[in-house]
PDB file of all heavy atoms in Angstrom:
ATOM      1  N   THR A   1      14.509 -10.488   1.220  1.00  0.00           N
ATOM      2  CA  THR A   1      14.731 -11.295   2.420  1.00  0.00           C
ATOM      3  C   THR A   1      14.199 -10.632   3.680  1.00  0.00           C
ATOM      4  O   THR A   1      14.231 -11.227   4.740  1.00  0.00           O
ATOM      5  CB  THR A   1      16.230 -11.605   2.601  1.00  0.00           C
ATOM      6  OG1 THR A   1      16.949 -10.372   2.696  1.00  0.00           O
ATOM      7  CG2 THR A   1      16.748 -12.443   1.454  1.00  0.00           C
ATOM      8  N   GLN A   2      13.710  -9.400   3.574  1.00  0.00           N
ATOM      9  CA  GLN A   2      13.166  -8.727   4.745  1.00  0.00           C
ATOM     10  C   GLN A   2      11.865  -9.408   5.166  1.00  0.00           C
ATOM     11  O   GLN A   2      11.004  -9.685   4.348  1.00  0.00           O
ATOM     12  CB  GLN A   2      12.885  -7.262   4.449  1.00  0.00           C
ATOM     13  CG  GLN A   2      14.123  -6.450   4.202  1.00  0.00           C
ATOM     14  CD  GLN A   2      13.779  -5.008   3.852  1.00  0.00           C
ATOM     15  OE1 GLN A   2      12.627  -4.670   3.667  1.00  0.00           O
ATOM     16  NE2 GLN A   2      14.786  -4.164   3.785  1.00  0.00           N
ATOM     17  N   VAL A   3      11.749  -9.668   6.468  1.00  0.00           N
ATOM     18  CA  VAL A   3      10.540 -10.279   7.007  1.00  0.00           C
ATOM     19  C   VAL A   3       9.640  -9.161   7.510  1.00  0.00           C
ATOM     20  O   VAL A   3      10.044  -8.343   8.324  1.00  0.00           O
ATOM     21  CB  VAL A   3      10.878 -11.259   8.148  1.00  0.00           C
ATOM     22  CG1 VAL A   3       9.615 -11.837   8.740  1.00  0.00           C
ATOM     23  CG2 VAL A   3      11.795 -12.352   7.636  1.00  0.00           C
ATOM     24  N   VAL A   4       8.418  -9.118   6.991  1.00  0.00           N
ATOM     25  CA  VAL A   4       7.468  -8.073   7.366  1.00  0.00           C
ATOM     26  C   VAL A   4       6.297  -8.723   8.087  1.00  0.00           C
ATOM     27  O   VAL A   4       5.748  -9.725   7.638  1.00  0.00           O
ATOM     28  CB  VAL A   4       6.974  -7.317   6.111  1.00  0.00           C
ATOM     29  CG1 VAL A   4       5.955  -6.265   6.490  1.00  0.00           C
ATOM     30  CG2 VAL A   4       8.139  -6.700   5.372  1.00  0.00           C
ATOM     31  N   ASP A   5       5.914  -8.122   9.211  1.00  0.00           N
ATOM     32  CA  ASP A   5       4.755  -8.594   9.959  1.00  0.00           C
ATOM     33  C   ASP A   5       3.508  -8.393   9.093  1.00  0.00           C
ATOM     34  O   ASP A   5       3.242  -7.285   8.630  1.00  0.00           O
ATOM     35  CB  ASP A   5       4.635  -7.790  11.256  1.00  0.00           C
ATOM     36  CG  ASP A   5       3.431  -8.172  12.085  1.00  0.00           C
ATOM     37  OD1 ASP A   5       2.882  -9.278  11.860  1.00  0.00           O
ATOM     38  OD2 ASP A   5       3.047  -7.380  12.963  1.00  0.00           O
ATOM     39  N   PRO A   6       2.729  -9.462   8.833  1.00  0.00           N
ATOM     40  CA  PRO A   6       1.571  -9.330   7.950  1.00  0.00           C
ATOM     41  C   PRO A   6       0.493  -8.390   8.485  1.00  0.00           C
ATOM     42  O   PRO A   6      -0.322  -7.893   7.724  1.00  0.00           O
ATOM     43  CB  PRO A   6       1.032 -10.756   7.824  1.00  0.00           C
ATOM     44  CG  PRO A   6       1.708 -11.557   8.846  1.00  0.00           C
ATOM     45  CD  PRO A   6       2.923 -10.823   9.297  1.00  0.00           C
ATOM     46  N   ASP A   7       0.502  -8.114   9.783  1.00  0.00           N
ATOM     47  CA  ASP A   7      -0.497  -7.222  10.363  1.00  0.00           C
ATOM     48  C   ASP A   7      -0.009  -5.779  10.469  1.00  0.00           C
ATOM     49  O   ASP A   7      -0.747  -4.902  10.915  1.00  0.00           O
ATOM     50  CB  ASP A   7      -0.907  -7.717  11.750  1.00  0.00           C
ATOM     51  CG  ASP A   7      -1.624  -9.057  11.673  1.00  0.00           C
ATOM     52  OD1 ASP A   7      -2.360  -9.281  10.702  1.00  0.00           O
ATOM     53  OD2 ASP A   7      -1.430  -9.873  12.599  1.00  0.00           O
ATOM     54  N   LYS A   8       1.231  -5.527  10.027  1.00  0.00           N
ATOM     55  CA  LYS A   8       1.784  -4.179  10.092  1.00  0.00           C
ATOM     56  C   LYS A   8       1.121  -3.295   9.035  1.00  0.00           C
ATOM     57  O   LYS A   8       0.940  -3.689   7.891  1.00  0.00           O
ATOM     58  CB  LYS A   8       3.292  -4.208   9.855  1.00  0.00           C
ATOM     59  CG  LYS A   8       3.931  -2.852   9.923  1.00  0.00           C
ATOM     60  CD  LYS A   8       5.420  -2.926   9.681  1.00  0.00           C
ATOM     61  CE  LYS A   8       6.001  -1.520   9.710  1.00  0.00           C
ATOM     62  NZ  LYS A   8       7.405  -1.522   9.364  1.00  0.00           N
ATOM     63  N   LYS A   9       0.753  -2.089   9.427  1.00  0.00           N
ATOM     64  CA  LYS A   9       0.120  -1.141   8.515  1.00  0.00           C
ATOM     65  C   LYS A   9       1.194  -0.521   7.618  1.00  0.00           C
ATOM     66  O   LYS A   9       2.208  -0.019   8.096  1.00  0.00           O
ATOM     67  CB  LYS A   9      -0.595  -0.051   9.303  1.00  0.00           C
ATOM     68  CG  LYS A   9      -1.363   0.922   8.468  1.00  0.00           C
ATOM     69  CD  LYS A   9      -2.097   1.906   9.361  1.00  0.00           C
ATOM     70  CE  LYS A   9      -2.886   2.903   8.556  1.00  0.00           C
ATOM     71  NZ  LYS A   9      -3.565   3.871   9.419  1.00  0.00           N
ATOM     72  N   VAL A  10       0.958  -0.579   6.301  1.00  0.00           N
ATOM     73  CA  VAL A  10       1.890  -0.036   5.326  1.00  0.00           C
ATOM     74  C   VAL A  10       1.130   0.950   4.446  1.00  0.00           C
ATOM     75  O   VAL A  10       0.063   0.629   3.930  1.00  0.00           O
ATOM     76  CB  VAL A  10       2.494  -1.162   4.447  1.00  0.00           C
ATOM     77  CG1 VAL A  10       3.439  -0.597   3.415  1.00  0.00           C
ATOM     78  CG2 VAL A  10       3.187  -2.203   5.315  1.00  0.00           C
ATOM     79  N   CYS A  11       1.690   2.139   4.288  1.00  0.00           N
ATOM     80  CA  CYS A  11       1.042   3.159   3.461  1.00  0.00           C
ATOM     81  C   CYS A  11       1.869   3.415   2.211  1.00  0.00           C
ATOM     82  O   CYS A  11       3.096   3.402   2.245  1.00  0.00           O
ATOM     83  CB  CYS A  11       0.888   4.460   4.243  1.00  0.00           C
ATOM     84  SG  CYS A  11      -0.202   4.300   5.670  1.00  0.00           S
ATOM     85  N   ARG A  12       1.176   3.645   1.103  1.00  0.00           N
ATOM     86  CA  ARG A  12       1.800   3.970  -0.180  1.00  0.00           C
ATOM     87  C   ARG A  12       1.110   5.204  -0.732  1.00  0.00           C
ATOM     88  O   ARG A  12      -0.040   5.492  -0.405  1.00  0.00           O
ATOM     89  CB  ARG A  12       1.624   2.834  -1.194  1.00  0.00           C
ATOM     90  CG  ARG A  12       2.283   1.540  -0.820  1.00  0.00           C
ATOM     91  CD  ARG A  12       2.028   0.540  -1.922  1.00  0.00           C
ATOM     92  NE  ARG A  12       2.550  -0.784  -1.588  1.00  0.00           N
ATOM     93  CZ  ARG A  12       2.377  -1.851  -2.333  1.00  0.00           C
ATOM     94  NH1 ARG A  12       1.687  -1.780  -3.452  1.00  0.00           N
ATOM     95  NH2 ARG A  12       2.883  -3.007  -1.976  1.00  0.00           N
ATOM     96  N   PHE A  13       1.817   5.900  -1.600  1.00  0.00           N
ATOM     97  CA  PHE A  13       1.217   7.017  -2.310  1.00  0.00           C
ATOM     98  C   PHE A  13       0.925   6.570  -3.735  1.00  0.00           C
ATOM     99  O   PHE A  13       1.794   6.034  -4.414  1.00  0.00           O
ATOM    100  CB  PHE A  13       2.150   8.229  -2.318  1.00  0.00           C
ATOM    101  CG  PHE A  13       2.215   8.910  -0.985  1.00  0.00           C
ATOM    102  CD1 PHE A  13       3.218   8.608  -0.086  1.00  0.00           C
ATOM    103  CD2 PHE A  13       1.256   9.832  -0.622  1.00  0.00           C
ATOM    104  CE1 PHE A  13       3.278   9.230   1.145  1.00  0.00           C
ATOM    105  CE2 PHE A  13       1.298  10.457   0.613  1.00  0.00           C
ATOM    106  CZ  PHE A  13       2.312  10.160   1.496  1.00  0.00           C
ATOM    107  N   GLU A  14      -0.314   6.759  -4.164  1.00  0.00           N
ATOM    108  CA  GLU A  14      -0.730   6.371  -5.501  1.00  0.00           C
ATOM    109  C   GLU A  14      -1.415   7.548  -6.169  1.00  0.00           C
ATOM    110  O   GLU A  14      -2.085   8.337  -5.515  1.00  0.00           O
ATOM    111  CB  GLU A  14      -1.695   5.186  -5.440  1.00  0.00           C
ATOM    112  CG  GLU A  14      -1.082   3.936  -4.848  1.00  0.00           C
ATOM    113  CD  GLU A  14      -2.043   2.761  -4.828  1.00  0.00           C
ATOM    114  OE1 GLU A  14      -3.246   2.961  -5.058  1.00  0.00           O
ATOM    115  OE2 GLU A  14      -1.570   1.643  -4.578  1.00  0.00           O
ATOM    116  N   ALA A  15      -1.230   7.646  -7.490  1.00  0.00           N
ATOM    117  CA  ALA A  15      -1.901   8.682  -8.277  1.00  0.00           C
ATOM    118  C   ALA A  15      -3.029   8.021  -9.050  1.00  0.00           C
ATOM    119  O   ALA A  15      -2.783   7.235  -9.960  1.00  0.00           O
ATOM    120  CB  ALA A  15      -0.921   9.344  -9.225  1.00  0.00           C
ATOM    121  N   PRO A  16      -4.289   8.291  -8.672  1.00  0.00           N
ATOM    122  CA  PRO A  16      -5.415   7.694  -9.398  1.00  0.00           C
ATOM    123  C   PRO A  16      -5.413   8.124 -10.863  1.00  0.00           C
ATOM    124  O   PRO A  16      -4.938   9.211 -11.198  1.00  0.00           O
ATOM    125  CB  PRO A  16      -6.650   8.260  -8.682  1.00  0.00           C
ATOM    126  CG  PRO A  16      -6.158   8.747  -7.365  1.00  0.00           C
ATOM    127  CD  PRO A  16      -4.729   9.120  -7.560  1.00  0.00           C
ATOM    128  N   THR A  17      -5.933   7.285 -11.730  1.00  0.00           N
ATOM    129  CA  THR A  17      -6.000   7.592 -13.149  1.00  0.00           C
ATOM    130  C   THR A  17      -6.764   8.890 -13.366  1.00  0.00           C
ATOM    131  O   THR A  17      -7.843   9.084 -12.822  1.00  0.00           O
ATOM    132  CB  THR A  17      -6.693   6.442 -13.911  1.00  0.00           C
ATOM    133  OG1 THR A  17      -5.980   5.236 -13.660  1.00  0.00           O
ATOM    134  CG2 THR A  17      -6.729   6.713 -15.400  1.00  0.00           C
ATOM    135  N   GLY A  18      -6.192   9.768 -14.164  1.00  0.00           N
ATOM    136  CA  GLY A  18      -6.832  11.036 -14.462  1.00  0.00           C
ATOM    137  C   GLY A  18      -6.524  12.136 -13.466  1.00  0.00           C
ATOM    138  O   GLY A  18      -7.049  13.231 -13.564  1.00  0.00           O
ATOM    139  N   SER A  19      -5.672  11.862 -12.503  1.00  0.00           N
ATOM    140  CA  SER A  19      -5.347  12.855 -11.487  1.00  0.00           C
ATOM    141  C   SER A  19      -3.834  12.974 -11.358  1.00  0.00           C
ATOM    142  O   SER A  19      -3.101  12.000 -11.508  1.00  0.00           O
ATOM    143  CB  SER A  19      -5.933  12.443 -10.139  1.00  0.00           C
ATOM    144  OG  SER A  19      -5.498  13.333  -9.134  1.00  0.00           O
ATOM    145  N   ILE A  20      -3.368  14.188 -11.079  1.00  0.00           N
ATOM    146  CA  ILE A  20      -1.943  14.366 -10.823  1.00  0.00           C
ATOM    147  C   ILE A  20      -1.662  14.421  -9.326  1.00  0.00           C
ATOM    148  O   ILE A  20      -0.516  14.452  -8.907  1.00  0.00           O
ATOM    149  CB  ILE A  20      -1.394  15.632 -11.520  1.00  0.00           C
ATOM    150  CG1 ILE A  20      -2.125  16.880 -11.033  1.00  0.00           C
ATOM    151  CG2 ILE A  20      -1.466  15.491 -13.020  1.00  0.00           C
ATOM    152  CD1 ILE A  20      -1.501  18.186 -11.488  1.00  0.00           C
ATOM    153  N   MET A  21      -2.726  14.434  -8.539  1.00  0.00           N
ATOM    154  CA  MET A  21      -2.578  14.480  -7.086  1.00  0.00           C
ATOM    155  C   MET A  21      -2.407  13.064  -6.541  1.00  0.00           C
ATOM    156  O   MET A  21      -3.221  12.186  -6.809  1.00  0.00           O
ATOM    157  CB  MET A  21      -3.808  15.124  -6.440  1.00  0.00           C
ATOM    158  CG  MET A  21      -4.024  16.560  -6.846  1.00  0.00           C
ATOM    159  SD  MET A  21      -2.713  17.653  -6.285  1.00  0.00           S
ATOM    160  CE  MET A  21      -2.891  17.519  -4.532  1.00  0.00           C
ATOM    161  N   ARG A  22      -1.322  12.865  -5.805  1.00  0.00           N
ATOM    162  CA  ARG A  22      -1.118  11.552  -5.193  1.00  0.00           C
ATOM    163  C   ARG A  22      -2.002  11.425  -3.960  1.00  0.00           C
ATOM    164  O   ARG A  22      -2.264  12.394  -3.262  1.00  0.00           O
ATOM    165  CB  ARG A  22       0.349  11.375  -4.817  1.00  0.00           C
ATOM    166  CG  ARG A  22       1.228  11.346  -6.021  1.00  0.00           C
ATOM    167  CD  ARG A  22       2.671  11.057  -5.739  1.00  0.00           C
ATOM    168  NE  ARG A  22       3.129  11.406  -4.411  1.00  0.00           N
ATOM    169  CZ  ARG A  22       4.197  10.877  -3.837  1.00  0.00           C
ATOM    170  NH1 ARG A  22       4.914  10.002  -4.474  1.00  0.00           N
ATOM    171  NH2 ARG A  22       4.553  11.242  -2.632  1.00  0.00           N
ATOM    172  N   LYS A  23      -2.436  10.194  -3.702  1.00  0.00           N
ATOM    173  CA  LYS A  23      -3.315   9.913  -2.572  1.00  0.00           C
ATOM    174  C   LYS A  23      -2.640   8.864  -1.694  1.00  0.00           C
ATOM    175  O   LYS A  23      -2.086   7.881  -2.200  1.00  0.00           O
ATOM    176  CB  LYS A  23      -4.652   9.382  -3.100  1.00  0.00           C
ATOM    177  CG  LYS A  23      -5.657   9.069  -2.044  1.00  0.00           C
ATOM    178  CD  LYS A  23      -6.940   8.573  -2.676  1.00  0.00           C
ATOM    179  CE  LYS A  23      -7.928   8.146  -1.619  1.00  0.00           C
ATOM    180  NZ  LYS A  23      -9.140   7.576  -2.191  1.00  0.00           N
ATOM    181  N   ARG A  24      -2.688   9.048  -0.398  1.00  0.00           N
ATOM    182  CA  ARG A  24      -2.105   8.087   0.530  1.00  0.00           C
ATOM    183  C   ARG A  24      -3.098   6.958   0.746  1.00  0.00           C
ATOM    184  O   ARG A  24      -4.246   7.180   1.127  1.00  0.00           O
ATOM    185  CB  ARG A  24      -1.786   8.763   1.848  1.00  0.00           C
ATOM    186  CG  ARG A  24      -1.075   7.867   2.817  1.00  0.00           C
ATOM    187  CD  ARG A  24      -0.697   8.634   4.059  1.00  0.00           C
ATOM    188  NE  ARG A  24      -0.067   7.732   4.996  1.00  0.00           N
ATOM    189  CZ  ARG A  24       0.368   8.077   6.186  1.00  0.00           C
ATOM    190  NH1 ARG A  24       0.246   9.325   6.579  1.00  0.00           N
ATOM    191  NH2 ARG A  24       0.916   7.196   6.967  1.00  0.00           N
ATOM    192  N   VAL A  25      -2.637   5.716   0.495  1.00  0.00           N
ATOM    193  CA  VAL A  25      -3.476   4.535   0.651  1.00  0.00           C
ATOM    194  C   VAL A  25      -2.777   3.607   1.646  1.00  0.00           C
ATOM    195  O   VAL A  25      -1.618   3.260   1.475  1.00  0.00           O
ATOM    196  CB  VAL A  25      -3.669   3.812  -0.700  1.00  0.00           C
ATOM    197  CG1 VAL A  25      -4.555   2.600  -0.538  1.00  0.00           C
ATOM    198  CG2 VAL A  25      -4.247   4.767  -1.736  1.00  0.00           C
ATOM    199  N   CYS A  26      -3.506   3.204   2.685  1.00  0.00           N
ATOM    200  CA  CYS A  26      -2.928   2.353   3.728  1.00  0.00           C
ATOM    201  C   CYS A  26      -3.679   1.025   3.837  1.00  0.00           C
ATOM    202  O   CYS A  26      -4.913   1.002   3.808  1.00  0.00           O
ATOM    203  CB  CYS A  26      -2.975   3.061   5.076  1.00  0.00           C
ATOM    204  SG  CYS A  26      -2.040   4.608   5.122  1.00  0.00           S
ATOM    205  N   HIS A  27      -2.919  -0.054   3.928  1.00  0.00           N
ATOM    206  CA  HIS A  27      -3.442  -1.404   4.150  1.00  0.00           C
ATOM    207  C   HIS A  27      -2.419  -2.163   4.980  1.00  0.00           C
ATOM    208  O   HIS A  27      -1.292  -1.710   5.168  1.00  0.00           O
ATOM    209  CB  HIS A  27      -3.639  -2.155   2.820  1.00  0.00           C
ATOM    210  CG  HIS A  27      -4.706  -1.603   1.941  1.00  0.00           C
ATOM    211  ND1 HIS A  27      -6.041  -1.770   2.187  1.00  0.00           N
ATOM    212  CD2 HIS A  27      -4.635  -0.877   0.792  1.00  0.00           C
ATOM    213  CE1 HIS A  27      -6.743  -1.185   1.238  1.00  0.00           C
ATOM    214  NE2 HIS A  27      -5.914  -0.624   0.380  1.00  0.00           N
ATOM    215  N   THR A  28      -2.796  -3.339   5.448  1.00  0.00           N
ATOM    216  CA  THR A  28      -1.820  -4.189   6.133  1.00  0.00           C
ATOM    217  C   THR A  28      -0.902  -4.813   5.084  1.00  0.00           C
ATOM    218  O   THR A  28      -1.227  -4.844   3.893  1.00  0.00           O
ATOM    219  CB  THR A  28      -2.502  -5.307   6.939  1.00  0.00           C
ATOM    220  OG1 THR A  28      -3.167  -6.183   6.034  1.00  0.00           O
ATOM    221  CG2 THR A  28      -3.464  -4.756   7.966  1.00  0.00           C
ATOM    222  N   ALA A  29       0.238  -5.328   5.524  1.00  0.00           N
ATOM    223  CA  ALA A  29       1.181  -5.954   4.605  1.00  0.00           C
ATOM    224  C   ALA A  29       0.542  -7.143   3.889  1.00  0.00           C
ATOM    225  O   ALA A  29       0.766  -7.360   2.696  1.00  0.00           O
ATOM    226  CB  ALA A  29       2.436  -6.396   5.356  1.00  0.00           C
ATOM    227  N   ALA A  30      -0.292  -7.898   4.594  1.00  0.00           N
ATOM    228  CA  ALA A  30      -0.972  -9.044   3.986  1.00  0.00           C
ATOM    229  C   ALA A  30      -1.945  -8.581   2.901  1.00  0.00           C
ATOM    230  O   ALA A  30      -2.045  -9.202   1.832  1.00  0.00           O
ATOM    231  CB  ALA A  30      -1.708  -9.850   5.049  1.00  0.00           C
ATOM    232  N   GLU A  31      -2.666  -7.496   3.163  1.00  0.00           N
ATOM    233  CA  GLU A  31      -3.596  -6.967   2.160  1.00  0.00           C
ATOM    234  C   GLU A  31      -2.848  -6.466   0.931  1.00  0.00           C
ATOM    235  O   GLU A  31      -3.281  -6.688  -0.201  1.00  0.00           O
ATOM    236  CB  GLU A  31      -4.433  -5.836   2.754  1.00  0.00           C
ATOM    237  CG  GLU A  31      -5.444  -6.306   3.780  1.00  0.00           C
ATOM    238  CD  GLU A  31      -6.128  -5.164   4.515  1.00  0.00           C
ATOM    239  OE1 GLU A  31      -5.540  -4.063   4.632  1.00  0.00           O
ATOM    240  OE2 GLU A  31      -7.257  -5.376   4.974  1.00  0.00           O
ATOM    241  N   TRP A  32      -1.699  -5.782   1.135  1.00  0.00           N
ATOM    242  CA  TRP A  32      -0.904  -5.317  -0.003  1.00  0.00           C
ATOM    243  C   TRP A  32      -0.409  -6.492  -0.839  1.00  0.00           C
ATOM    244  O   TRP A  32      -0.368  -6.410  -2.064  1.00  0.00           O
ATOM    245  CB  TRP A  32       0.277  -4.466   0.455  1.00  0.00           C
ATOM    246  CG  TRP A  32      -0.069  -3.048   0.742  1.00  0.00           C
ATOM    247  CD1 TRP A  32       0.082  -2.385   1.920  1.00  0.00           C
ATOM    248  CD2 TRP A  32      -0.632  -2.093  -0.171  1.00  0.00           C
ATOM    249  NE1 TRP A  32      -0.346  -1.087   1.805  1.00  0.00           N
ATOM    250  CE2 TRP A  32      -0.786  -0.878   0.524  1.00  0.00           C
ATOM    251  CE3 TRP A  32      -1.021  -2.144  -1.502  1.00  0.00           C
ATOM    252  CZ2 TRP A  32      -1.308   0.269  -0.073  1.00  0.00           C
ATOM    253  CZ3 TRP A  32      -1.538  -1.000  -2.097  1.00  0.00           C
ATOM    254  CH2 TRP A  32      -1.681   0.185  -1.380  1.00  0.00           C
ATOM    255  N   LYS A  33      -0.055  -7.576  -0.168  1.00  0.00           N
ATOM    256  CA  LYS A  33       0.411  -8.756  -0.904  1.00  0.00           C
ATOM    257  C   LYS A  33      -0.705  -9.288  -1.806  1.00  0.00           C
ATOM    258  O   LYS A  33      -0.473  -9.644  -2.962  1.00  0.00           O
ATOM    259  CB  LYS A  33       0.879  -9.832   0.073  1.00  0.00           C
ATOM    260  CG  LYS A  33       1.543 -11.005  -0.577  1.00  0.00           C
ATOM    261  CD  LYS A  33       2.117 -11.961   0.467  1.00  0.00           C
ATOM    262  CE  LYS A  33       2.809 -13.116  -0.212  1.00  0.00           C
ATOM    263  NZ  LYS A  33       3.419 -14.026   0.740  1.00  0.00           N
ATOM    264  N   LEU A  34      -1.923  -9.345  -1.290  1.00  0.00           N
ATOM    265  CA  LEU A  34      -3.069  -9.785  -2.098  1.00  0.00           C
ATOM    266  C   LEU A  34      -3.354  -8.815  -3.247  1.00  0.00           C
ATOM    267  O   LEU A  34      -3.622  -9.236  -4.382  1.00  0.00           O
ATOM    268  CB  LEU A  34      -4.316  -9.920  -1.225  1.00  0.00           C
ATOM    269  CG  LEU A  34      -4.331 -11.090  -0.251  1.00  0.00           C
ATOM    270  CD1 LEU A  34      -5.538 -10.979   0.679  1.00  0.00           C
ATOM    271  CD2 LEU A  34      -4.365 -12.399  -1.008  1.00  0.00           C
ATOM    272  N   ILE A  35      -3.295  -7.528  -2.977  1.00  0.00           N
ATOM    273  CA  ILE A  35      -3.542  -6.518  -4.002  1.00  0.00           C
ATOM    274  C   ILE A  35      -2.493  -6.619  -5.108  1.00  0.00           C
ATOM    275  O   ILE A  35      -2.817  -6.592  -6.300  1.00  0.00           O
ATOM    276  CB  ILE A  35      -3.560  -5.105  -3.376  1.00  0.00           C
ATOM    277  CG1 ILE A  35      -4.779  -4.949  -2.481  1.00  0.00           C
ATOM    278  CG2 ILE A  35      -3.517  -4.020  -4.453  1.00  0.00           C
ATOM    279  CD1 ILE A  35      -4.748  -3.718  -1.582  1.00  0.00           C
ATOM    280  N   ASP A  36      -1.220  -6.748  -4.716  1.00  0.00           N
ATOM    281  CA  ASP A  36      -0.147  -6.854  -5.703  1.00  0.00           C
ATOM    282  C   ASP A  36      -0.264  -8.120  -6.540  1.00  0.00           C
ATOM    283  O   ASP A  36      -0.072  -8.096  -7.753  1.00  0.00           O
ATOM    284  CB  ASP A  36       1.220  -6.808  -5.016  1.00  0.00           C
ATOM    285  CG  ASP A  36       1.522  -5.436  -4.431  1.00  0.00           C
ATOM    286  OD1 ASP A  36       0.882  -4.451  -4.845  1.00  0.00           O
ATOM    287  OD2 ASP A  36       2.414  -5.363  -3.556  1.00  0.00           O
TER     288      ASP A  36
END
């Protein structure tokens, strides 16, 4: 139920395949919705 501004920058930490090092990936909330 949380309302998020679609233009707000949101960062996540992801571990690319084959790596144990997490990488910070940032997109807008709208872009994350499309990616998900």
